[in-house]
N, C-alpha and C. Protein backbone atom coordinates (compact mmCIF):
# COMPACT_ATOMS: atom_id res chain seq x y z
N UNK A 1 0.83 -1.17 0.00
CA UNK A 1 0.00 0.00 0.00
C UNK A 1 0.87 1.23 0.00
N UNK A 2 0.98 1.80 -1.12
CA UNK A 2 1.75 3.03 -1.25
C UNK A 2 3.24 2.78 -1.39
N UNK A 3 3.68 1.53 -1.32
CA UNK A 3 5.11 1.25 -1.39
C UNK A 3 5.65 1.45 -2.78
N UNK A 4 4.78 1.39 -3.78
CA UNK A 4 5.23 1.51 -5.16
C UNK A 4 5.33 2.97 -5.62
N UNK A 5 4.86 3.94 -4.79
CA UNK A 5 4.89 5.35 -5.21
C UNK A 5 6.31 5.87 -5.02
N UNK A 6 6.90 6.39 -6.09
CA UNK A 6 8.27 6.89 -5.95
C UNK A 6 8.29 8.15 -5.06
N UNK A 7 9.26 8.22 -4.19
CA UNK A 7 9.41 9.36 -3.28
C UNK A 7 10.30 10.41 -3.93
N UNK A 8 9.87 11.68 -3.81
CA UNK A 8 10.66 12.78 -4.32
C UNK A 8 11.79 13.08 -3.33
N UNK A 9 12.97 13.22 -3.84
CA UNK A 9 14.11 13.50 -2.97
C UNK A 9 14.04 14.97 -2.55
N UNK A 10 14.11 15.20 -1.23
CA UNK A 10 14.04 16.56 -0.70
C UNK A 10 15.43 17.16 -0.66
N UNK A 11 15.52 18.37 -1.14
CA UNK A 11 16.78 19.09 -1.10
C UNK A 11 16.83 19.95 0.16
N UNK A 12 17.99 20.12 0.73
CA UNK A 12 18.08 20.98 1.91
C UNK A 12 17.66 22.41 1.57
N UNK A 13 16.99 23.05 2.55
CA UNK A 13 16.52 24.42 2.34
C UNK A 13 17.70 25.38 2.40
N UNK A 14 17.75 26.23 1.40
CA UNK A 14 18.77 27.28 1.41
C UNK A 14 18.05 28.61 1.30
N UNK A 15 18.29 29.52 2.26
CA UNK A 15 17.63 30.82 2.19
C UNK A 15 18.04 31.56 0.94
N UNK A 16 17.08 32.35 0.43
CA UNK A 16 17.39 33.14 -0.77
C UNK A 16 18.41 34.20 -0.40
N UNK A 17 19.28 34.45 -1.34
CA UNK A 17 20.26 35.50 -1.13
C UNK A 17 19.55 36.83 -1.30
N UNK A 18 19.78 37.72 -0.32
CA UNK A 18 19.10 39.01 -0.33
C UNK A 18 19.90 40.01 -1.15
N UNK A 19 19.15 40.81 -1.88
CA UNK A 19 19.76 41.88 -2.66
C UNK A 19 20.10 43.02 -1.70
N UNK A 20 21.35 43.46 -1.61
CA UNK A 20 21.73 44.52 -0.68
C UNK A 20 21.29 45.92 -1.13
N UNK A 21 20.82 46.06 -2.35
CA UNK A 21 20.47 47.38 -2.87
C UNK A 21 19.35 48.06 -2.06
N UNK A 22 18.23 47.41 -1.73
CA UNK A 22 17.21 48.11 -0.94
C UNK A 22 17.72 48.57 0.43
N UNK A 23 18.55 47.75 1.06
CA UNK A 23 19.13 48.15 2.35
C UNK A 23 20.01 49.38 2.18
N UNK A 24 20.84 49.39 1.14
CA UNK A 24 21.73 50.51 0.88
C UNK A 24 20.93 51.78 0.61
N UNK A 25 19.89 51.68 -0.22
CA UNK A 25 19.04 52.84 -0.54
C UNK A 25 18.35 53.34 0.73
N UNK A 26 17.83 52.43 1.55
CA UNK A 26 17.18 52.82 2.80
C UNK A 26 18.13 53.54 3.73
N UNK A 27 19.36 53.06 3.82
CA UNK A 27 20.37 53.69 4.67
C UNK A 27 20.69 55.10 4.18
N UNK A 28 20.85 55.26 2.88
CA UNK A 28 21.13 56.58 2.32
C UNK A 28 19.98 57.54 2.59
N UNK A 29 18.74 57.09 2.38
CA UNK A 29 17.58 57.94 2.64
C UNK A 29 17.53 58.34 4.11
N UNK A 30 17.79 57.40 5.01
CA UNK A 30 17.79 57.69 6.44
C UNK A 30 18.86 58.72 6.78
N UNK A 31 20.04 58.57 6.21
CA UNK A 31 21.12 59.53 6.46
C UNK A 31 20.75 60.92 5.94
N UNK A 32 20.13 60.98 4.79
CA UNK A 32 19.71 62.27 4.25
C UNK A 32 18.65 62.89 5.16
N UNK A 33 17.71 62.08 5.60
CA UNK A 33 16.66 62.56 6.50
C UNK A 33 17.28 63.10 7.78
N UNK A 34 18.24 62.35 8.36
CA UNK A 34 18.90 62.79 9.58
C UNK A 34 19.68 64.08 9.34
N UNK A 35 20.33 64.17 8.20
CA UNK A 35 21.09 65.38 7.89
C UNK A 35 20.16 66.58 7.79
N UNK A 36 18.99 66.39 7.19
CA UNK A 36 18.04 67.49 7.10
C UNK A 36 17.55 67.88 8.49
N UNK A 37 17.32 66.91 9.35
CA UNK A 37 16.88 67.20 10.71
C UNK A 37 17.96 67.94 11.49
N UNK A 38 19.22 67.62 11.25
CA UNK A 38 20.32 68.28 11.94
C UNK A 38 20.25 69.79 11.69
N UNK A 39 19.98 70.16 10.46
CA UNK A 39 19.91 71.59 10.13
C UNK A 39 18.72 72.28 10.80
N UNK A 40 17.68 71.51 11.13
CA UNK A 40 16.55 72.09 11.84
C UNK A 40 16.89 72.39 13.30
N UNK A 41 17.93 71.74 13.82
CA UNK A 41 18.26 71.84 15.24
C UNK A 41 19.53 72.65 15.49
N UNK A 42 20.51 72.51 14.61
CA UNK A 42 21.81 73.15 14.83
C UNK A 42 22.11 74.10 13.68
N UNK A 43 22.60 75.26 14.06
CA UNK A 43 23.08 76.22 13.06
C UNK A 43 24.48 76.66 13.48
N UNK A 44 25.22 77.14 12.52
CA UNK A 44 26.58 77.57 12.81
C UNK A 44 26.65 79.09 12.69
N UNK A 45 27.18 79.72 13.72
CA UNK A 45 27.37 81.16 13.74
C UNK A 45 28.86 81.39 13.98
N UNK A 46 29.51 82.03 13.02
CA UNK A 46 30.95 82.24 13.08
C UNK A 46 31.70 80.93 13.32
N UNK A 47 31.22 79.87 12.67
CA UNK A 47 31.87 78.57 12.76
C UNK A 47 31.55 77.79 14.03
N UNK A 48 30.78 78.37 14.95
CA UNK A 48 30.44 77.70 16.21
C UNK A 48 29.02 77.14 16.13
N UNK A 49 28.84 75.88 16.53
CA UNK A 49 27.49 75.31 16.51
C UNK A 49 26.65 75.85 17.66
N UNK A 50 25.37 76.08 17.39
CA UNK A 50 24.42 76.48 18.44
C UNK A 50 23.03 75.99 18.02
N UNK A 51 22.12 75.95 18.97
CA UNK A 51 20.76 75.54 18.66
C UNK A 51 20.08 76.62 17.83
N UNK A 52 19.26 76.19 16.89
CA UNK A 52 18.48 77.16 16.13
C UNK A 52 17.51 77.86 17.08
N UNK A 53 17.04 79.02 16.70
CA UNK A 53 16.10 79.77 17.53
C UNK A 53 14.86 78.94 17.81
N UNK A 54 14.34 78.27 16.80
CA UNK A 54 13.13 77.46 16.96
C UNK A 54 13.36 76.33 17.96
N UNK A 55 14.50 75.66 17.86
CA UNK A 55 14.80 74.55 18.76
C UNK A 55 15.04 75.06 20.19
N UNK A 56 15.70 76.20 20.31
CA UNK A 56 15.94 76.80 21.62
C UNK A 56 14.61 77.16 22.28
N UNK A 57 13.65 77.67 21.50
CA UNK A 57 12.33 78.01 22.03
C UNK A 57 11.59 76.76 22.50
N UNK A 58 11.72 75.66 21.76
CA UNK A 58 11.10 74.40 22.18
C UNK A 58 11.67 73.94 23.52
N UNK A 59 12.99 74.05 23.68
CA UNK A 59 13.64 73.68 24.93
C UNK A 59 13.11 74.54 26.07
N UNK A 60 13.03 75.83 25.87
CA UNK A 60 12.55 76.74 26.92
C UNK A 60 11.10 76.44 27.29
N UNK A 61 10.28 76.09 26.30
CA UNK A 61 8.89 75.74 26.56
C UNK A 61 8.81 74.48 27.41
N UNK A 62 9.61 73.46 27.06
CA UNK A 62 9.62 72.21 27.83
C UNK A 62 10.07 72.46 29.27
N UNK A 63 11.10 73.28 29.45
CA UNK A 63 11.58 73.59 30.80
C UNK A 63 10.53 74.33 31.60
N UNK A 64 9.82 75.26 30.95
CA UNK A 64 8.76 76.02 31.63
C UNK A 64 7.63 75.08 32.05
N UNK A 65 7.28 74.12 31.19
CA UNK A 65 6.23 73.16 31.53
C UNK A 65 6.59 72.36 32.78
N UNK A 66 7.87 72.06 32.95
CA UNK A 66 8.30 71.29 34.11
C UNK A 66 8.19 72.09 35.40
N UNK A 67 7.99 73.39 35.29
CA UNK A 67 7.82 74.25 36.46
C UNK A 67 6.37 74.30 36.91
N UNK A 68 5.45 73.73 36.13
CA UNK A 68 4.02 73.87 36.40
C UNK A 68 3.31 72.52 36.41
N UNK A 69 3.67 71.67 37.34
CA UNK A 69 3.07 70.35 37.40
C UNK A 69 1.96 70.25 38.43
N UNK A 70 1.25 69.12 38.37
CA UNK A 70 0.21 68.80 39.34
C UNK A 70 0.39 67.37 39.80
N UNK A 71 0.20 67.16 41.09
CA UNK A 71 0.07 65.81 41.62
C UNK A 71 -1.42 65.67 41.91
N UNK A 72 -2.03 64.62 41.38
CA UNK A 72 -3.48 64.47 41.47
C UNK A 72 -3.85 63.08 41.98
N UNK A 73 -5.12 62.97 42.34
CA UNK A 73 -5.70 61.68 42.66
C UNK A 73 -6.96 61.52 41.82
N UNK A 74 -7.20 60.32 41.33
CA UNK A 74 -8.47 59.99 40.71
C UNK A 74 -9.30 59.31 41.79
N UNK A 75 -10.47 59.90 42.06
CA UNK A 75 -11.31 59.51 43.19
C UNK A 75 -12.59 58.86 42.67
N UNK A 76 -13.00 57.77 43.31
CA UNK A 76 -14.24 57.07 42.95
C UNK A 76 -15.44 58.00 43.15
N UNK A 77 -16.33 58.04 42.15
CA UNK A 77 -17.53 58.87 42.24
C UNK A 77 -18.79 58.04 42.50
N UNK A 78 -18.63 56.72 42.56
CA UNK A 78 -19.77 55.86 42.90
C UNK A 78 -19.23 54.61 43.58
N UNK A 79 -20.06 53.98 44.37
CA UNK A 79 -19.70 52.71 44.98
C UNK A 79 -19.74 51.64 43.90
N UNK A 80 -18.70 50.82 43.84
CA UNK A 80 -18.72 49.74 42.86
C UNK A 80 -17.36 49.16 42.61
N UNK A 81 -17.33 48.22 41.68
CA UNK A 81 -16.08 47.55 41.32
C UNK A 81 -15.36 48.35 40.25
N UNK A 82 -14.07 48.57 40.48
CA UNK A 82 -13.22 49.33 39.58
C UNK A 82 -12.11 48.43 39.06
N UNK A 83 -11.63 48.68 37.84
CA UNK A 83 -10.49 47.91 37.34
C UNK A 83 -9.31 48.05 38.29
N UNK A 84 -8.61 46.95 38.51
CA UNK A 84 -7.47 46.94 39.43
C UNK A 84 -6.30 46.24 38.73
N UNK A 85 -5.11 46.80 38.87
CA UNK A 85 -3.94 46.26 38.19
C UNK A 85 -3.08 45.38 39.10
N UNK A 86 -3.56 45.12 40.32
CA UNK A 86 -2.81 44.28 41.25
C UNK A 86 -3.12 42.80 40.99
N UNK A 87 -2.11 41.97 41.09
CA UNK A 87 -2.27 40.54 40.86
C UNK A 87 -3.29 39.96 41.82
N UNK A 88 -4.19 39.17 41.29
CA UNK A 88 -5.21 38.55 42.10
C UNK A 88 -6.45 39.40 42.34
N UNK A 89 -6.44 40.62 41.83
CA UNK A 89 -7.58 41.53 42.02
C UNK A 89 -7.94 42.20 40.69
N UNK A 90 -8.55 41.51 39.74
CA UNK A 90 -8.88 42.17 38.47
C UNK A 90 -9.87 43.31 38.64
N UNK A 91 -10.73 43.19 39.65
CA UNK A 91 -11.67 44.25 40.01
C UNK A 91 -11.56 44.47 41.50
N UNK A 92 -11.80 45.72 41.91
CA UNK A 92 -11.68 46.04 43.33
C UNK A 92 -12.79 46.98 43.73
N UNK A 93 -13.45 46.70 44.84
CA UNK A 93 -14.59 47.52 45.27
C UNK A 93 -14.09 48.78 45.95
N UNK A 94 -14.59 49.93 45.45
CA UNK A 94 -14.30 51.23 46.06
C UNK A 94 -15.60 51.90 46.45
N UNK A 95 -15.54 52.65 47.54
CA UNK A 95 -16.65 53.51 47.95
C UNK A 95 -16.42 54.90 47.39
N UNK A 96 -17.47 55.68 47.29
CA UNK A 96 -17.37 57.07 46.84
C UNK A 96 -16.31 57.77 47.69
N UNK A 97 -15.40 58.50 47.02
CA UNK A 97 -14.38 59.27 47.71
C UNK A 97 -13.07 58.54 47.92
N UNK A 98 -13.01 57.25 47.60
CA UNK A 98 -11.76 56.51 47.78
C UNK A 98 -10.85 56.69 46.56
N UNK A 99 -9.55 56.56 46.80
CA UNK A 99 -8.53 56.78 45.77
C UNK A 99 -8.44 55.57 44.85
N UNK A 100 -8.52 55.84 43.54
CA UNK A 100 -8.33 54.80 42.54
C UNK A 100 -6.91 54.87 41.99
N UNK A 101 -6.36 56.09 41.89
CA UNK A 101 -5.03 56.26 41.32
C UNK A 101 -4.43 57.58 41.76
N UNK A 102 -3.10 57.59 41.97
CA UNK A 102 -2.33 58.82 42.14
C UNK A 102 -1.51 59.02 40.88
N UNK A 103 -1.28 60.27 40.51
CA UNK A 103 -0.46 60.54 39.34
C UNK A 103 0.08 61.96 39.34
N UNK A 104 0.88 62.26 38.33
CA UNK A 104 1.43 63.60 38.11
C UNK A 104 1.26 63.94 36.64
N UNK A 105 1.16 65.22 36.37
CA UNK A 105 1.04 65.66 34.98
C UNK A 105 1.46 67.12 34.86
N UNK A 106 1.86 67.50 33.66
CA UNK A 106 2.09 68.91 33.34
C UNK A 106 0.99 69.41 32.42
N UNK A 107 0.06 68.51 32.07
CA UNK A 107 -0.98 68.84 31.09
C UNK A 107 -2.30 69.26 31.73
N UNK A 108 -2.45 69.10 33.03
CA UNK A 108 -3.73 69.37 33.67
C UNK A 108 -4.71 68.25 33.38
N UNK A 109 -5.89 68.35 34.01
CA UNK A 109 -6.88 67.29 33.88
C UNK A 109 -7.28 67.05 32.43
N UNK A 110 -7.60 68.09 31.72
CA UNK A 110 -8.10 67.91 30.35
C UNK A 110 -7.04 67.41 29.39
N UNK A 111 -5.79 67.75 29.65
CA UNK A 111 -4.71 67.25 28.80
C UNK A 111 -4.33 65.82 29.13
N UNK A 112 -4.69 65.38 30.33
CA UNK A 112 -4.31 64.04 30.78
C UNK A 112 -5.42 63.01 30.56
N UNK A 113 -6.66 63.40 30.87
CA UNK A 113 -7.79 62.48 30.76
C UNK A 113 -8.95 63.14 30.05
N UNK A 114 -9.58 62.40 29.17
CA UNK A 114 -10.77 62.92 28.49
C UNK A 114 -11.96 62.82 29.44
N UNK A 115 -12.97 63.62 29.17
CA UNK A 115 -14.19 63.55 29.98
C UNK A 115 -14.84 62.17 29.82
N UNK A 116 -14.68 61.57 28.65
CA UNK A 116 -15.22 60.23 28.41
C UNK A 116 -14.53 59.21 29.32
N UNK A 117 -13.20 59.32 29.45
CA UNK A 117 -12.45 58.42 30.34
C UNK A 117 -12.94 58.57 31.78
N UNK A 118 -13.11 59.81 32.22
CA UNK A 118 -13.54 60.08 33.59
C UNK A 118 -14.94 59.49 33.83
N UNK A 119 -15.82 59.67 32.86
CA UNK A 119 -17.18 59.15 32.98
C UNK A 119 -17.18 57.61 32.93
N UNK A 120 -16.46 57.04 31.97
CA UNK A 120 -16.42 55.58 31.82
C UNK A 120 -15.87 54.89 33.07
N UNK A 121 -14.92 55.54 33.74
CA UNK A 121 -14.29 54.94 34.91
C UNK A 121 -14.88 55.44 36.24
N UNK A 122 -15.88 56.32 36.16
CA UNK A 122 -16.57 56.84 37.35
C UNK A 122 -15.58 57.40 38.37
N UNK A 123 -14.72 58.30 37.88
CA UNK A 123 -13.74 58.95 38.77
C UNK A 123 -13.77 60.46 38.56
N UNK A 124 -13.29 61.16 39.57
CA UNK A 124 -13.10 62.61 39.45
C UNK A 124 -11.62 62.90 39.68
N UNK A 125 -11.18 64.01 39.13
CA UNK A 125 -9.78 64.43 39.17
C UNK A 125 -9.64 65.45 40.28
N UNK A 126 -8.80 65.17 41.26
CA UNK A 126 -8.60 66.07 42.38
C UNK A 126 -7.13 66.46 42.45
N UNK A 127 -6.85 67.76 42.26
CA UNK A 127 -5.47 68.24 42.38
C UNK A 127 -5.12 68.27 43.87
N UNK A 128 -4.04 67.59 44.23
CA UNK A 128 -3.61 67.55 45.63
C UNK A 128 -2.40 68.44 45.88
N UNK A 129 -1.64 68.75 44.82
CA UNK A 129 -0.45 69.57 44.98
C UNK A 129 -0.09 70.19 43.64
N UNK A 130 0.35 71.44 43.66
CA UNK A 130 0.89 72.10 42.46
C UNK A 130 2.28 72.60 42.78
N UNK A 131 3.18 72.45 41.80
CA UNK A 131 4.55 72.90 41.97
C UNK A 131 5.37 72.47 40.77
N UNK A 132 6.68 72.42 40.96
CA UNK A 132 7.54 71.93 39.88
C UNK A 132 7.28 70.44 39.70
N UNK A 133 7.64 69.93 38.55
CA UNK A 133 7.42 68.50 38.30
C UNK A 133 8.19 67.66 39.32
N UNK A 134 9.37 68.09 39.70
CA UNK A 134 10.15 67.37 40.71
C UNK A 134 9.40 67.32 42.04
N UNK A 135 8.83 68.44 42.45
CA UNK A 135 8.06 68.48 43.69
C UNK A 135 6.81 67.59 43.59
N UNK A 136 6.17 67.62 42.42
CA UNK A 136 4.98 66.80 42.22
C UNK A 136 5.31 65.31 42.29
N UNK A 137 6.42 64.93 41.68
CA UNK A 137 6.84 63.52 41.73
C UNK A 137 7.16 63.10 43.17
N UNK A 138 7.75 64.01 43.94
CA UNK A 138 8.01 63.70 45.34
C UNK A 138 6.70 63.50 46.10
N UNK A 139 5.73 64.37 45.88
CA UNK A 139 4.44 64.23 46.54
C UNK A 139 3.75 62.93 46.14
N UNK A 140 3.85 62.58 44.87
CA UNK A 140 3.25 61.33 44.40
C UNK A 140 3.87 60.14 45.14
N UNK A 141 5.19 60.15 45.29
CA UNK A 141 5.85 59.05 45.99
C UNK A 141 5.39 58.97 47.45
N UNK A 142 5.27 60.11 48.09
CA UNK A 142 4.79 60.14 49.48
C UNK A 142 3.40 59.51 49.55
N UNK A 143 2.52 59.88 48.61
CA UNK A 143 1.15 59.33 48.60
C UNK A 143 1.17 57.83 48.33
N UNK A 144 1.96 57.39 47.36
CA UNK A 144 2.01 55.97 47.01
C UNK A 144 2.54 55.13 48.18
N UNK A 145 3.64 55.56 48.78
CA UNK A 145 4.23 54.78 49.86
C UNK A 145 3.38 54.83 51.12
N UNK A 146 2.60 55.89 51.31
CA UNK A 146 1.75 56.04 52.50
C UNK A 146 0.37 55.41 52.32
N UNK A 147 0.02 55.00 51.12
CA UNK A 147 -1.31 54.46 50.85
C UNK A 147 -1.73 53.35 51.82
N UNK A 148 -0.84 52.42 52.20
CA UNK A 148 -1.28 51.36 53.12
C UNK A 148 -1.85 51.90 54.44
N UNK A 149 -1.46 53.12 54.82
CA UNK A 149 -1.90 53.69 56.09
C UNK A 149 -3.15 54.56 55.97
N UNK A 150 -3.68 54.72 54.76
CA UNK A 150 -4.91 55.52 54.60
C UNK A 150 -6.05 54.85 55.36
N UNK A 151 -6.85 55.65 56.05
CA UNK A 151 -7.99 55.06 56.77
C UNK A 151 -8.89 54.19 55.88
N UNK A 152 -9.10 54.60 54.62
CA UNK A 152 -9.95 53.80 53.73
C UNK A 152 -9.37 52.41 53.49
N UNK A 153 -8.06 52.28 53.54
CA UNK A 153 -7.40 50.99 53.34
C UNK A 153 -7.38 50.19 54.65
N UNK A 154 -7.16 50.86 55.76
CA UNK A 154 -7.06 50.18 57.05
C UNK A 154 -8.39 49.60 57.53
N UNK A 155 -9.54 50.17 57.09
CA UNK A 155 -10.84 49.63 57.52
C UNK A 155 -11.20 48.36 56.76
N UNK A 156 -10.51 48.05 55.70
CA UNK A 156 -10.77 46.83 54.94
C UNK A 156 -10.24 45.62 55.70
N UNK A 157 -10.85 44.47 55.49
CA UNK A 157 -10.25 43.26 56.08
C UNK A 157 -8.81 43.12 55.59
N UNK A 158 -7.94 42.63 56.43
CA UNK A 158 -6.51 42.59 56.12
C UNK A 158 -6.21 41.94 54.77
N UNK A 159 -6.92 40.87 54.43
CA UNK A 159 -6.66 40.18 53.16
C UNK A 159 -7.11 40.99 51.95
N UNK A 160 -7.88 42.04 52.17
CA UNK A 160 -8.35 42.89 51.06
C UNK A 160 -7.58 44.21 50.97
N UNK A 161 -6.64 44.45 51.86
CA UNK A 161 -5.87 45.69 51.84
C UNK A 161 -4.87 45.67 50.68
N UNK A 162 -4.63 46.85 50.14
CA UNK A 162 -3.69 47.00 49.02
C UNK A 162 -2.46 47.78 49.45
N UNK A 163 -1.35 47.54 48.77
CA UNK A 163 -0.13 48.31 49.02
C UNK A 163 -0.11 49.63 48.28
N UNK A 164 -0.86 49.70 47.16
CA UNK A 164 -0.97 50.91 46.34
C UNK A 164 -2.42 51.03 45.90
N UNK A 165 -2.83 52.21 45.45
CA UNK A 165 -4.20 52.33 44.94
C UNK A 165 -4.45 51.32 43.80
N UNK A 166 -5.72 50.95 43.58
CA UNK A 166 -6.03 49.91 42.61
C UNK A 166 -5.48 50.13 41.20
N UNK A 167 -5.33 51.38 40.75
CA UNK A 167 -4.86 51.60 39.38
C UNK A 167 -3.42 52.10 39.32
N UNK A 168 -2.64 51.93 40.38
CA UNK A 168 -1.20 52.23 40.36
C UNK A 168 -0.46 50.90 40.38
N UNK A 169 0.10 50.48 39.22
CA UNK A 169 0.73 49.16 39.16
C UNK A 169 2.05 49.07 39.92
N UNK A 170 2.82 50.18 39.97
CA UNK A 170 4.15 50.14 40.59
C UNK A 170 4.44 51.48 41.25
N UNK A 171 5.44 51.46 42.11
CA UNK A 171 6.01 52.73 42.59
C UNK A 171 6.91 53.23 41.48
N UNK A 172 6.86 54.49 41.19
CA UNK A 172 7.68 55.02 40.09
C UNK A 172 9.09 55.26 40.55
């Protein structure tokens, strides 16, 4: 049964040799693109390199933004189960007013979260501190590390207590 069918001899697989031309063309295009970008960022004045006015203004804007940060909390606006990023707790019950997440931003509430996000997740945005981004990050760390001691966490049965708010996966 089937012994009389001649078997085709299989040849070892050899990968096709790749043409280096597309790689070479891509590299040249990338180098040209990078060279054009260089001129957008650096200009030479009397033979000395310096940032272009436009790039210098972008830097100053970024630095100014870092002076105006917010440390915020997202607070539950209804009693119910909220998404939770902690292992073993895909959903976590929060009461109105309890912390779902701590965070920092330089964009403010509207730049950070859409009204649809706030509504879908039943949370409100509460600014807890304003200052430089460094100060805001420090405040966020204080809140994250102190979360286990919050009264809302301590009233829970010990097996239901969290080390961080339900939507903060890690300490930053």
